[in-house]
């Protein structure tokens, strides 16, 4: 292990020019230099947060991330965790989908979000607390990325500021902020730092420190799985790809070499895997029963969310300031070819498909990865270490696996063979996870040349960095949810009668506009309002809507003639008593 890891890392640090030294302060450095570095860090942080939160700020903090459906579902689960800390709710299920238990397993668990959100709820209402929760995780991601680059990798403050800012304002992560759980990708630099610390400590013989880092990493991943399954699963999957590529490219390709390596570091490996096996038990107790109940995501449901070659790889949306002109004609073309389906352009090019990397950065990445794998790195005089070749190969292979060629895709093998893959429907979200690794690959190869350019021709260097940052910016926003409108509608609903033990909703808002289309309007508004209000009132509801629903859930289309009959059958089947009905179209909204 010492020969494999410690030596390349030492060469990597020593080969760096003084302009890219780690964020330490050598003897003789003036206090003013450190002060300027701290000021630059906070200035860039403020710029990053101003870009990410420009719409909420401009609206006077009325608009927040999410929409009428997903945003309220997320806040429902966050309110659930607040009820857990208050001692009025079991940790693994909320007040919705009554009387089913373990209902947390039907959706992402938002555990770490629940900790942050519950703190902010001491000072703010659900809508402001939700925005502050996103601010918390964006802050973690910014400073985590900066620390990863400057301290763990030792690439200097300039590289750290660029990676932290690029990662925070990345186009794909910003456009997908409507799904708040995906912002937990901010935990990735923390996981990387813990993994690096573990390997380095083990290589130096500091086994206690290595094992503490391994346990901390296991705890983070277990908590992450209970927060956002997609991002945590992608982390585990990509780590396995890296280990496989490292074994193939290094001297552990032979089974005997692998066995010898494991034996030398068995104590640390056992601590990490053993603690993970224990800490993941809450996740397994919640999600495995629901996976057996629902069967996970279907193959053809997943198929529509793979990466279309070229288009989805650079799809930054039609409202991107620099590249939107590339996608507006595509949307018009799809609509012209199939005019009878007006929603088709949005399904194939917008929404979950707006996860691409900006074109200039994407081209730079492909060129850089090719040269690293060919052992001809751009801008680095030193030989590429086997770790960086393995890391680059693993990330490119992972990316390639998500590509779709009509109904065929390499992801088919992952879907059927890799544990947990059937819990993923929107595979395109992998590109959000890949944002930080791809930034690291590009900066690894180009940072020395960029530092030289900034010294010799600073305006050219500034122009290039500005262009790479600017191509992430878009007029599209992931913060359309109006706190004022939602509060006005929800506050107008009277609480249920005192003798009401369970309730269901027919209409929670009178005269509300259609939500997206007739199909989604029949599913979301009344169910989402019911589950959110149930957590607020702490009164169970049979309604709710999630990634998966209970097996006998039939509460769509509440204005249909058979809705009441469906409710009556459910009530009778589960032996419910004192059930109340909410219909805000009536003069007296509540009835038995």
Protein backbone atom coordinates (compact mmCIF):
# COMPACT_ATOMS: atom_id res chain seq x y z
CA UNK A 1 0.00 0.00 0.00
CA UNK A 2 2.86 2.37 0.82
CA UNK A 3 4.47 1.73 -2.56
CA UNK A 4 1.20 2.06 -4.45
CA UNK A 5 -0.28 5.16 -2.85
CA UNK A 6 2.19 7.10 -0.80
CA UNK A 7 4.92 7.54 -3.38
CA UNK A 8 2.74 8.84 -6.26
CA UNK A 9 1.00 11.24 -3.93
CA UNK A 10 4.34 12.53 -2.69
CA UNK A 11 5.55 13.09 -6.25
CA UNK A 12 2.25 14.77 -7.09
CA UNK A 13 2.69 17.32 -4.31
CA UNK A 14 6.39 17.95 -4.88
CA UNK A 15 5.91 18.48 -8.61
CA UNK A 16 3.57 21.40 -8.04
CA UNK A 17 4.88 24.92 -8.64
CA UNK A 18 4.75 27.36 -5.76
CA UNK A 19 1.60 28.98 -7.18
CA UNK A 20 -0.32 25.78 -6.59
CA UNK A 21 0.92 24.73 -3.16
CA UNK A 22 -1.55 23.40 -0.58
CA UNK A 23 -3.50 25.81 1.56
CA UNK A 24 -0.85 25.98 4.27
CA UNK A 25 1.09 29.05 5.23
CA UNK A 26 4.88 28.72 5.17
CA UNK A 27 7.16 30.54 7.53
CA UNK A 28 7.67 34.16 6.64
CA UNK A 29 4.34 34.62 4.89
CA UNK A 30 2.72 37.88 5.88
CA UNK A 31 -0.57 37.81 7.77
CA UNK A 32 -1.94 39.98 4.99
CA UNK A 33 -1.52 37.12 2.50
CA UNK A 34 -3.62 34.82 4.63
CA UNK A 35 -6.19 37.55 5.14
CA UNK A 36 -6.47 38.13 1.40
CA UNK A 37 -6.91 34.39 0.81
CA UNK A 38 -9.73 34.21 3.36
CA UNK A 39 -11.34 37.33 1.88
CA UNK A 40 -11.15 35.83 -1.62
CA UNK A 41 -12.72 32.61 -0.39
CA UNK A 42 -15.66 34.39 1.22
CA UNK A 43 -16.09 36.70 -1.76
CA UNK A 44 -16.32 33.76 -4.16
CA UNK A 45 -18.71 32.02 -1.75
CA UNK A 46 -21.00 35.07 -1.72
CA UNK A 47 -20.90 35.21 -5.53
CA UNK A 48 -21.76 31.50 -5.74
CA UNK A 49 -24.70 31.80 -3.34
CA UNK A 50 -25.94 34.95 -5.12
CA UNK A 51 -26.01 33.02 -8.41
CA UNK A 52 -27.71 29.95 -6.94
CA UNK A 53 -30.28 31.92 -4.93
CA UNK A 54 -30.77 34.86 -7.30
CA UNK A 55 -34.45 34.04 -7.92
CA UNK A 56 -35.43 33.62 -4.24
CA UNK A 57 -33.51 36.79 -3.40
CA UNK A 58 -35.07 38.79 -6.24
CA UNK A 59 -38.55 37.65 -5.15
CA UNK A 60 -38.02 38.89 -1.60
CA UNK A 61 -37.59 35.26 -0.52
CA UNK A 62 -41.08 34.39 -1.73
CA UNK A 63 -39.99 31.82 -4.32
CA UNK A 64 -38.37 28.58 -3.26
CA UNK A 65 -37.04 25.40 -4.89
CA UNK A 66 -39.43 22.69 -6.02
CA UNK A 67 -42.92 22.90 -7.42
CA UNK A 68 -46.55 22.45 -6.38
CA UNK A 69 -46.04 18.68 -6.16
CA UNK A 70 -42.45 17.59 -5.50
CA UNK A 71 -41.69 20.62 -3.34
CA UNK A 72 -44.57 19.93 -0.95
CA UNK A 73 -43.82 16.20 -0.88
CA UNK A 74 -40.26 17.02 0.16
CA UNK A 75 -41.44 19.41 2.88
CA UNK A 76 -43.88 16.76 4.08
CA UNK A 77 -41.02 14.33 4.73
CA UNK A 78 -38.97 17.08 6.34
CA UNK A 79 -41.92 17.88 8.61
CA UNK A 80 -42.05 14.17 9.39
CA UNK A 81 -38.50 14.33 10.78
CA UNK A 82 -39.46 17.36 12.84
CA UNK A 83 -42.32 15.30 14.28
CA UNK A 84 -39.89 12.47 14.99
CA UNK A 85 -37.64 14.76 17.05
CA UNK A 86 -40.79 16.00 18.84
CA UNK A 87 -41.66 12.42 19.80
CA UNK A 88 -45.05 12.30 18.05
CA UNK A 89 -44.16 10.12 15.07
CA UNK A 90 -42.26 6.86 14.52
CA UNK A 91 -38.99 7.43 12.66
CA UNK A 92 -39.81 5.14 9.73
CA UNK A 93 -43.30 6.40 8.80
CA UNK A 94 -45.35 9.57 8.77
CA UNK A 95 -48.99 10.55 9.08
CA UNK A 96 -49.81 9.83 5.41
CA UNK A 97 -50.81 6.54 3.75
CA UNK A 98 -52.56 5.60 7.00
CA UNK A 99 -52.65 2.92 8.39
CA UNK A 100 -49.55 1.61 6.59
CA UNK A 101 -46.27 1.66 8.51
CA UNK A 102 -42.74 2.15 7.24
CA UNK A 103 -44.02 4.60 4.64
CA UNK A 104 -40.70 6.44 4.59
CA UNK A 105 -39.53 3.61 2.32
CA UNK A 106 -41.80 4.75 -0.52
CA UNK A 107 -39.57 7.76 -1.22
CA UNK A 108 -36.17 9.23 -0.40
CA UNK A 109 -35.75 9.48 3.36
CA UNK A 110 -34.25 13.02 3.62
CA UNK A 111 -32.64 12.08 6.96
CA UNK A 112 -29.74 14.56 6.91
CA UNK A 113 -32.02 17.17 5.39
CA UNK A 114 -34.36 16.57 8.31
CA UNK A 115 -31.64 17.49 10.79
CA UNK A 116 -30.83 20.76 9.03
CA UNK A 117 -34.48 21.60 8.31
CA UNK A 118 -35.60 20.98 11.87
CA UNK A 119 -33.00 23.43 13.11
CA UNK A 120 -34.16 26.12 10.69
CA UNK A 121 -37.79 25.46 11.67
CA UNK A 122 -36.96 26.89 15.08
CA UNK A 123 -36.80 30.29 13.34
CA UNK A 124 -38.76 29.97 10.08
CA UNK A 125 -41.89 28.50 8.51
CA UNK A 126 -41.69 25.36 6.32
CA UNK A 127 -41.08 27.25 3.07
CA UNK A 128 -38.27 29.47 4.34
CA UNK A 129 -36.77 26.57 6.31
CA UNK A 130 -36.70 24.50 3.12
CA UNK A 131 -34.79 27.24 1.28
CA UNK A 132 -32.39 27.60 4.21
CA UNK A 133 -31.85 23.85 4.14
CA UNK A 134 -30.75 24.07 0.49
CA UNK A 135 -28.48 26.97 1.46
CA UNK A 136 -26.95 24.75 4.14
CA UNK A 137 -26.10 21.96 1.73
CA UNK A 138 -24.86 24.29 -1.00
CA UNK A 139 -22.55 25.79 1.63
CA UNK A 140 -21.32 22.33 2.62
CA UNK A 141 -20.67 21.53 -1.04
CA UNK A 142 -18.79 24.77 -1.70
CA UNK A 143 -16.44 24.58 1.27
CA UNK A 144 -16.14 20.81 0.95
CA UNK A 145 -14.99 21.10 -2.68
CA UNK A 146 -12.55 23.86 -1.74
CA UNK A 147 -11.07 21.81 1.11
CA UNK A 148 -10.85 18.71 -1.10
CA UNK A 149 -8.79 20.55 -3.71
CA UNK A 150 -6.62 22.65 -1.44
CA UNK A 151 -6.00 20.30 1.48
CA UNK A 152 -6.59 16.70 0.37
CA UNK A 153 -5.20 17.12 -3.16
CA UNK A 154 -2.89 20.07 -2.47
CA UNK A 155 -3.61 21.94 -5.68
CA UNK A 156 -3.66 25.46 -4.28
CA UNK A 157 -6.24 28.13 -3.63
CA UNK A 158 -6.81 29.19 -7.22
CA UNK A 159 -7.76 25.66 -8.28
CA UNK A 160 -9.82 25.29 -5.12
CA UNK A 161 -11.83 28.45 -5.81
CA UNK A 162 -12.47 27.42 -9.41
CA UNK A 163 -13.65 23.91 -8.50
CA UNK A 164 -15.78 25.13 -5.58
CA UNK A 165 -17.49 27.82 -7.66
CA UNK A 166 -17.97 25.57 -10.72
CA UNK A 167 -19.37 22.73 -8.62
CA UNK A 168 -21.77 25.06 -6.79
CA UNK A 169 -23.22 26.79 -9.88
CA UNK A 170 -23.00 23.77 -12.24
CA UNK A 171 -25.74 23.94 -14.87
CA UNK A 172 -27.11 20.42 -14.43
CA UNK A 173 -27.16 20.55 -10.61
CA UNK A 174 -28.85 23.97 -10.69
CA UNK A 175 -31.54 22.97 -13.20
CA UNK A 176 -32.38 19.83 -11.19
CA UNK A 177 -32.71 21.71 -7.90
CA UNK A 178 -36.47 21.28 -8.34
CA UNK A 179 -35.73 17.83 -6.86
CA UNK A 180 -34.18 19.03 -3.62
CA UNK A 181 -32.77 15.65 -2.57
CA UNK A 182 -30.34 15.77 -5.49
CA UNK A 183 -28.57 18.71 -3.89
CA UNK A 184 -27.15 16.18 -1.43
CA UNK A 185 -24.44 15.67 -4.07
CA UNK A 186 -22.79 18.37 -1.94
CA UNK A 187 -21.70 15.53 0.37
CA UNK A 188 -19.48 14.01 -2.33
CA UNK A 189 -16.35 16.10 -1.57
CA UNK A 190 -16.69 15.15 2.12
CA UNK A 191 -16.81 11.46 1.18
CA UNK A 192 -13.78 11.89 -1.09
CA UNK A 193 -11.79 13.62 1.65
CA UNK A 194 -12.57 10.84 4.13
CA UNK A 195 -11.55 8.17 1.60
CA UNK A 196 -8.27 9.96 0.82
CA UNK A 197 -7.54 10.48 4.51
CA UNK A 198 -8.15 6.79 5.19
CA UNK A 199 -5.83 5.60 2.43
CA UNK A 200 -3.05 8.04 3.32
CA UNK A 201 -3.20 7.27 7.04
CA UNK A 202 -3.09 3.54 6.32
CA UNK A 203 -0.13 4.01 3.97
CA UNK A 204 1.77 5.88 6.71
CA UNK A 205 1.02 3.22 9.30
CA UNK A 206 -1.41 5.39 11.27
CA UNK A 207 -3.94 2.64 11.58
CA UNK A 208 -6.10 4.25 14.27
CA UNK A 209 -6.56 7.38 12.18
CA UNK A 210 -7.26 5.28 9.08
CA UNK A 211 -9.90 3.25 10.88
CA UNK A 212 -11.58 6.32 12.31
CA UNK A 213 -11.75 7.77 8.79
CA UNK A 214 -13.18 4.49 7.49
CA UNK A 215 -15.88 4.46 10.18
CA UNK A 216 -16.71 8.12 9.49
CA UNK A 217 -17.01 7.38 5.78
CA UNK A 218 -19.27 4.40 6.49
CA UNK A 219 -21.48 6.57 8.70
CA UNK A 220 -21.70 9.26 6.03
CA UNK A 221 -22.69 6.82 3.29
CA UNK A 222 -25.28 5.11 5.50
CA UNK A 223 -26.84 8.46 6.44
CA UNK A 224 -26.64 9.56 2.80
CA UNK A 225 -28.58 6.47 1.69
CA UNK A 226 -31.32 7.47 4.14
CA UNK A 227 -31.27 10.97 2.66
CA UNK A 228 -30.98 10.62 -1.11
CA UNK A 229 -30.72 7.12 -2.50
CA UNK A 230 -29.62 8.15 -6.00
CA UNK A 231 -26.57 10.18 -5.00
CA UNK A 232 -25.43 7.71 -2.33
CA UNK A 233 -25.85 4.70 -4.64
CA UNK A 234 -23.91 6.46 -7.41
CA UNK A 235 -21.12 7.06 -4.90
CA UNK A 236 -20.89 3.39 -3.94
CA UNK A 237 -21.19 2.25 -7.56
CA UNK A 238 -18.49 4.65 -8.77
CA UNK A 239 -16.15 3.69 -5.92
CA UNK A 240 -16.47 0.04 -6.96
CA UNK A 241 -15.71 1.00 -10.57
CA UNK A 242 -12.61 2.86 -9.40
CA UNK A 243 -11.36 -0.10 -7.36
CA UNK A 244 -11.92 -2.39 -10.34
CA UNK A 245 -10.07 -0.06 -12.71
CA UNK A 246 -7.27 0.40 -10.17
CA UNK A 247 -6.84 -3.36 -9.92
CA UNK A 248 -6.78 -3.75 -13.72
CA UNK A 249 -4.32 -0.93 -14.34
CA UNK A 250 -2.10 -1.66 -11.34
CA UNK A 251 -0.33 -4.72 -10.04
CA UNK A 252 -3.40 -6.11 -8.28
CA UNK A 253 -4.88 -7.61 -11.43
CA UNK A 254 -3.88 -11.07 -10.23
CA UNK A 255 -6.08 -12.59 -7.52
CA UNK A 256 -3.06 -13.41 -5.39
CA UNK A 257 -1.96 -9.75 -5.38
CA UNK A 258 -5.46 -8.64 -4.42
CA UNK A 259 -5.60 -11.16 -1.59
CA UNK A 260 -2.22 -10.04 -0.31
CA UNK A 261 -3.30 -6.39 -0.37
CA UNK A 262 -6.49 -7.15 1.54
CA UNK A 263 -4.57 -9.15 4.14
CA UNK A 264 -2.12 -6.30 4.73
CA UNK A 265 -4.95 -3.86 5.44
CA UNK A 266 -7.54 -6.27 6.82
CA UNK A 267 -8.02 -4.34 10.06
CA UNK A 268 -9.00 -1.06 8.42
CA UNK A 269 -11.11 -2.79 5.77
CA UNK A 270 -12.93 -4.76 8.48
CA UNK A 271 -13.57 -1.60 10.50
CA UNK A 272 -15.00 0.20 7.48
CA UNK A 273 -17.14 -2.62 6.13
CA UNK A 274 -18.20 -3.82 9.57
CA UNK A 275 -19.36 -0.42 10.71
CA UNK A 276 -21.16 0.11 7.40
CA UNK A 277 -22.93 -3.24 7.77
CA UNK A 278 -24.26 -2.10 11.15
CA UNK A 279 -25.04 1.50 10.25
CA UNK A 280 -26.94 0.54 7.10
CA UNK A 281 -29.43 -1.59 9.04
CA UNK A 282 -32.00 1.22 9.51
CA UNK A 283 -31.93 1.87 5.77
CA UNK A 284 -32.40 -1.82 4.99
CA UNK A 285 -35.24 -2.25 7.48
CA UNK A 286 -37.15 0.58 5.81
CA UNK A 287 -36.42 0.02 2.14
CA UNK A 288 -36.06 -3.74 1.63
CA UNK A 289 -39.69 -4.50 2.61
CA UNK A 290 -40.93 -1.76 0.27
CA UNK A 291 -38.69 -3.04 -2.52
CA UNK A 292 -40.21 -6.50 -2.14
CA UNK A 293 -43.69 -4.96 -2.02
CA UNK A 294 -43.31 -2.74 -5.09
CA UNK A 295 -40.69 -4.63 -7.11
CA UNK A 296 -38.62 -1.47 -7.64
CA UNK A 297 -38.55 0.52 -10.83
CA UNK A 298 -39.60 -1.19 -14.05
CA UNK A 299 -37.14 -1.63 -16.90
CA UNK A 300 -39.14 0.34 -19.47
CA UNK A 301 -39.82 3.12 -16.96
CA UNK A 302 -36.06 3.45 -16.52
CA UNK A 303 -35.38 3.29 -20.26
CA UNK A 304 -36.78 6.75 -20.93
CA UNK A 305 -34.28 8.35 -18.55
CA UNK A 306 -30.98 7.19 -19.97
CA UNK A 307 -28.51 9.49 -21.73
CA UNK A 308 -29.06 10.14 -25.43
CA UNK A 309 -25.57 10.30 -27.01
CA UNK A 310 -24.34 13.82 -27.76
CA UNK A 311 -27.66 15.59 -27.05
CA UNK A 312 -28.14 14.74 -23.37
CA UNK A 313 -24.40 14.83 -22.75
CA UNK A 314 -24.41 18.59 -23.40
CA UNK A 315 -28.07 19.40 -22.76
CA UNK A 316 -28.00 22.62 -20.73
CA UNK A 317 -31.54 23.56 -21.75
CA UNK A 318 -33.02 26.07 -24.20
CA UNK A 319 -32.72 28.95 -21.72
CA UNK A 320 -28.97 28.71 -21.23
CA UNK A 321 -27.48 32.14 -21.91
CA UNK A 322 -24.64 30.86 -24.12
CA UNK A 323 -25.95 27.60 -25.56
CA UNK A 324 -29.74 27.82 -25.50
CA UNK A 325 -29.77 28.56 -29.24
CA UNK A 326 -28.65 24.95 -29.84
CA UNK A 327 -31.69 23.42 -28.13
CA UNK A 328 -34.55 25.72 -29.12
CA UNK A 329 -34.52 24.46 -32.75
CA UNK A 330 -34.43 20.86 -31.49
CA UNK A 331 -37.55 21.43 -29.42
CA UNK A 332 -39.30 22.99 -32.41
CA UNK A 333 -38.20 20.11 -34.66
CA UNK A 334 -39.56 17.43 -32.34
CA UNK A 335 -42.84 19.32 -32.09
CA UNK A 336 -43.02 19.63 -35.89
CA UNK A 337 -42.35 15.94 -36.47
CA UNK A 338 -44.99 14.81 -33.94
CA UNK A 339 -47.48 17.69 -33.61
CA UNK A 340 -50.17 15.46 -32.04
CA UNK A 341 -48.14 15.10 -28.85
CA UNK A 342 -47.40 18.62 -27.58
CA UNK A 343 -45.75 17.29 -24.42
CA UNK A 344 -43.22 15.12 -26.30
CA UNK A 345 -40.50 17.78 -26.78
CA UNK A 346 -40.46 18.38 -23.04
CA UNK A 347 -40.25 14.66 -22.28
CA UNK A 348 -37.28 13.99 -24.55
CA UNK A 349 -35.30 17.22 -24.17
CA UNK A 350 -36.37 19.00 -21.01
CA UNK A 351 -36.97 18.14 -17.38
CA UNK A 352 -34.83 15.20 -16.31
CA UNK A 353 -32.89 15.37 -19.59
CA UNK A 354 -31.43 18.81 -18.81
CA UNK A 355 -28.49 17.24 -17.03
CA UNK A 356 -25.74 17.82 -19.57
CA UNK A 357 -22.36 19.44 -19.21
CA UNK A 358 -21.68 22.80 -20.94
CA UNK A 359 -20.26 22.12 -24.43
CA UNK A 360 -16.82 23.74 -24.02
CA UNK A 361 -16.26 21.98 -20.72
CA UNK A 362 -17.50 18.69 -22.20
CA UNK A 363 -15.05 18.90 -25.13
CA UNK A 364 -12.24 19.81 -22.75
CA UNK A 365 -13.14 16.85 -20.55
CA UNK A 366 -13.12 14.34 -23.41
CA UNK A 367 -9.76 15.58 -24.73
CA UNK A 368 -8.28 15.57 -21.23
CA UNK A 369 -9.56 12.10 -20.39
CA UNK A 370 -8.22 10.71 -23.66
CA UNK A 371 -4.76 12.10 -23.02
CA UNK A 372 -4.69 10.95 -19.41
CA UNK A 373 -5.62 7.43 -20.42
CA UNK A 374 -2.95 7.56 -23.13
CA UNK A 375 -0.46 8.75 -20.48
CA UNK A 376 -0.06 12.08 -22.24
CA UNK A 377 -1.57 14.56 -19.78
CA UNK A 378 -2.19 18.11 -20.89
CA UNK A 379 -0.11 20.68 -19.05
CA UNK A 380 1.62 18.29 -16.61
CA UNK A 381 5.28 17.42 -16.89
CA UNK A 382 5.08 14.62 -14.35
CA UNK A 383 3.99 11.13 -15.27
CA UNK A 384 0.30 10.44 -14.71
CA UNK A 385 -0.10 8.28 -11.61
CA UNK A 386 -1.94 5.00 -11.89
CA UNK A 387 -4.52 6.32 -9.43
CA UNK A 388 -5.47 9.18 -11.74
CA UNK A 389 -5.60 6.91 -14.78
CA UNK A 390 -7.87 4.52 -12.86
CA UNK A 391 -10.04 7.37 -11.58
CA UNK A 392 -10.42 8.84 -15.07
CA UNK A 393 -11.14 5.46 -16.63
CA UNK A 394 -13.75 4.62 -13.96
CA UNK A 395 -15.61 7.91 -14.41
CA UNK A 396 -15.63 7.66 -18.21
CA UNK A 397 -16.78 4.03 -18.10
CA UNK A 398 -19.54 4.94 -15.65
CA UNK A 399 -20.65 7.75 -17.96
CA UNK A 400 -20.59 5.47 -21.02
CA UNK A 401 -22.74 2.87 -19.26
CA UNK A 402 -25.65 5.35 -19.12
CA UNK A 403 -25.77 5.90 -22.90
CA UNK A 404 -28.89 4.75 -24.73
CA UNK A 405 -29.09 3.43 -28.28
CA UNK A 406 -32.84 3.14 -28.91
CA UNK A 407 -33.93 0.38 -26.48
CA UNK A 408 -30.37 -0.90 -26.00
CA UNK A 409 -27.97 0.40 -23.40
CA UNK A 410 -24.94 -0.88 -21.47
CA UNK A 411 -26.94 0.10 -18.38
CA UNK A 412 -29.04 -3.03 -19.00
CA UNK A 413 -26.25 -5.03 -17.39
CA UNK A 414 -26.13 -2.70 -14.41
CA UNK A 415 -29.92 -2.77 -14.04
CA UNK A 416 -30.09 -6.56 -13.83
CA UNK A 417 -26.76 -7.43 -12.20
CA UNK A 418 -25.81 -4.69 -9.73
CA UNK A 419 -27.60 -4.71 -6.35
CA UNK A 420 -29.79 -1.66 -5.81
CA UNK A 421 -29.87 -0.59 -9.46
CA UNK A 422 -33.57 -1.40 -9.73
CA UNK A 423 -34.24 1.37 -7.23
CA UNK A 424 -33.16 3.90 -9.87
CA UNK A 425 -35.51 5.22 -12.51
CA UNK A 426 -33.87 8.49 -13.59
CA UNK A 427 -30.41 7.19 -14.49
CA UNK A 428 -29.61 10.51 -16.19
CA UNK A 429 -29.06 11.95 -12.71
CA UNK A 430 -25.70 10.19 -12.72
CA UNK A 431 -24.40 13.15 -14.70
CA UNK A 432 -25.07 15.38 -11.68
CA UNK A 433 -22.90 13.11 -9.57
CA UNK A 434 -20.17 13.09 -12.22
CA UNK A 435 -19.86 16.88 -12.19
CA UNK A 436 -17.28 17.03 -9.40
CA UNK A 437 -15.15 14.08 -10.64
CA UNK A 438 -15.07 15.57 -14.13
CA UNK A 439 -14.04 18.95 -12.74
CA UNK A 440 -11.22 17.26 -10.84
CA UNK A 441 -10.02 15.44 -13.96
CA UNK A 442 -9.87 18.66 -15.98
CA UNK A 443 -8.21 20.69 -13.22
CA UNK A 444 -5.71 17.89 -12.54
CA UNK A 445 -4.46 18.10 -16.11
CA UNK A 446 -4.68 21.83 -16.78
CA UNK A 447 -3.98 23.62 -13.52
CA UNK A 448 -0.22 24.11 -14.07
CA UNK A 449 -0.70 25.51 -17.56
CA UNK A 450 -3.52 27.76 -16.38
CA UNK A 451 -1.36 29.05 -13.53
CA UNK A 452 1.41 29.86 -16.03
CA UNK A 453 -1.09 31.57 -18.35
CA UNK A 454 -2.46 33.68 -15.52
CA UNK A 455 1.08 34.84 -14.76
CA UNK A 456 2.13 35.55 -18.35
CA UNK A 457 -1.17 36.63 -19.94
CA UNK A 458 -3.62 37.23 -17.09
CA UNK A 459 -6.40 38.61 -19.27
CA UNK A 460 -6.44 35.46 -21.41
CA UNK A 461 -6.54 33.30 -18.31
CA UNK A 462 -9.35 35.32 -16.76
CA UNK A 463 -11.30 35.18 -20.04
CA UNK A 464 -11.03 31.38 -20.23
CA UNK A 465 -12.09 30.88 -16.61
CA UNK A 466 -14.97 33.35 -17.06
CA UNK A 467 -16.18 31.52 -20.17
CA UNK A 468 -16.10 28.13 -18.43
CA UNK A 469 -18.13 29.56 -15.56
CA UNK A 470 -20.54 31.58 -17.72
CA UNK A 471 -21.64 28.62 -19.83
CA UNK A 472 -23.33 27.21 -16.71
CA UNK A 473 -25.74 30.13 -16.39
CA UNK A 474 -29.35 29.95 -17.52
CA UNK A 475 -32.52 32.02 -17.38
CA UNK A 476 -34.41 28.86 -16.38
CA UNK A 477 -35.11 28.56 -12.68
CA UNK A 478 -35.71 25.64 -10.35
CA UNK A 479 -37.36 27.95 -7.79
CA UNK A 480 -40.96 28.56 -8.97
CA UNK A 481 -42.74 27.66 -5.72
CA UNK A 482 -44.40 30.74 -4.21
CA UNK A 483 -44.48 30.72 -0.43
CA UNK A 484 -47.11 33.47 -0.42
CA UNK A 485 -49.50 31.57 -2.69
CA UNK A 486 -49.04 28.26 -0.92
CA UNK A 487 -49.41 29.76 2.54
CA UNK A 488 -52.57 31.63 1.51
CA UNK A 489 -54.15 28.45 0.15
CA UNK A 490 -53.08 26.13 2.97
CA UNK A 491 -53.79 28.55 5.81
CA UNK A 492 -57.36 28.92 4.52
CA UNK A 493 -58.05 25.24 5.26
CA UNK A 494 -59.54 24.82 8.73
CA UNK A 495 -58.09 22.04 10.91
CA UNK A 496 -60.15 18.85 11.23
CA UNK A 497 -62.76 18.47 13.98
CA UNK A 498 -61.50 17.37 17.37
CA UNK A 499 -63.09 13.92 17.08
CA UNK A 500 -61.51 13.25 13.68
CA UNK A 501 -59.02 10.38 13.84
CA UNK A 502 -58.35 10.00 10.12
CA UNK A 503 -59.17 12.22 7.15
CA UNK A 504 -59.21 12.16 3.38
CA UNK A 505 -59.38 14.94 0.82
CA UNK A 506 -61.73 15.50 -2.07
CA UNK A 507 -60.73 19.09 -2.82
CA UNK A 508 -58.21 21.04 -0.75
CA UNK A 509 -58.37 24.23 -2.82
CA UNK A 510 -61.41 25.65 -4.56
CA UNK A 511 -60.85 26.97 -8.07
CA UNK A 512 -57.19 25.99 -8.26
CA UNK A 513 -55.67 26.07 -11.80
CA UNK A 514 -54.88 22.79 -13.55
CA UNK A 515 -51.58 21.27 -12.41
CA UNK A 516 -49.55 20.55 -15.60
CA UNK A 517 -52.15 18.33 -17.30
CA UNK A 518 -55.30 16.34 -16.54
CA UNK A 519 -53.40 13.14 -15.69
CA UNK A 520 -51.04 14.74 -13.17
CA UNK A 521 -53.78 16.99 -11.81
CA UNK A 522 -55.77 13.87 -10.90
CA UNK A 523 -52.81 12.46 -9.00
CA UNK A 524 -51.01 15.24 -7.18
CA UNK A 525 -52.80 18.31 -5.75
CA UNK A 526 -55.27 16.77 -3.29
CA UNK A 527 -52.91 13.96 -2.26
CA UNK A 528 -49.92 16.25 -1.76
CA UNK A 529 -51.92 18.78 0.26
CA UNK A 530 -53.36 15.98 2.38
CA UNK A 531 -49.97 14.53 3.35
CA UNK A 532 -48.46 17.96 4.04
CA UNK A 533 -51.40 19.01 6.22
CA UNK A 534 -51.39 15.65 8.01
CA UNK A 535 -47.82 16.30 9.18
CA UNK A 536 -48.74 19.85 10.19
CA UNK A 537 -51.89 18.84 12.07
CA UNK A 538 -50.44 15.50 13.25
CA UNK A 539 -53.65 13.80 12.18
CA UNK A 540 -53.37 10.72 9.89
CA UNK A 541 -54.65 10.75 6.31
CA UNK A 542 -55.27 7.88 3.94
CA UNK A 543 -54.10 10.11 1.06
CA UNK A 544 -50.56 10.70 -0.09
CA UNK A 545 -48.39 10.36 -3.15
CA UNK A 546 -44.84 9.15 -3.52
CA UNK A 547 -42.35 7.41 -5.80
CA UNK A 548 -44.18 4.24 -4.80
CA UNK A 549 -47.62 3.95 -3.19
CA UNK A 550 -49.21 1.24 -1.00
CA UNK A 551 -50.60 -1.77 -2.88
CA UNK A 552 -54.28 -0.84 -2.45
CA UNK A 553 -53.80 2.91 -2.94
CA UNK A 554 -56.52 4.09 -5.35
CA UNK A 555 -56.99 7.74 -4.51
CA UNK A 556 -56.42 9.46 -7.82
CA UNK A 557 -59.08 11.57 -9.56
CA UNK A 558 -61.04 12.69 -6.48
CA UNK A 559 -63.83 14.27 -8.55
CA UNK A 560 -64.64 11.00 -10.30
CA UNK A 561 -67.97 9.40 -9.48
CA UNK A 562 -66.43 6.33 -7.84
CA UNK A 563 -63.94 8.15 -5.59
CA UNK A 564 -66.16 7.95 -2.50
CA UNK A 565 -66.77 4.25 -3.14
CA UNK A 566 -63.01 3.65 -3.35
CA UNK A 567 -62.53 5.46 -0.06
CA UNK A 568 -65.31 3.45 1.61
CA UNK A 569 -63.80 0.15 0.49
CA UNK A 570 -60.39 1.18 1.83
CA UNK A 571 -61.86 2.34 5.15
CA UNK A 572 -63.77 -0.90 5.56
CA UNK A 573 -60.80 -3.08 4.56
CA UNK A 574 -58.56 -1.45 7.16
CA UNK A 575 -61.22 -1.06 9.87
CA UNK A 576 -60.82 2.70 10.20
CA UNK A 577 -63.13 4.71 12.45
CA UNK A 578 -64.08 8.38 12.78
CA UNK A 579 -62.97 9.22 9.27
CA UNK A 580 -63.48 12.83 8.11
CA UNK A 581 -63.92 14.22 4.63
CA UNK A 582 -62.41 17.53 3.45
CA UNK A 583 -63.95 19.39 0.52
CA UNK A 584 -63.09 23.08 0.33
CA UNK A 585 -65.77 23.64 -2.32
CA UNK A 586 -68.40 23.29 0.37
CA UNK A 587 -69.58 25.98 2.81
CA UNK A 588 -68.77 23.54 5.62
CA UNK A 589 -65.55 21.87 4.39
CA UNK A 590 -65.46 19.08 6.98
CA UNK A 591 -67.96 16.24 7.17
CA UNK A 592 -68.06 12.68 8.53
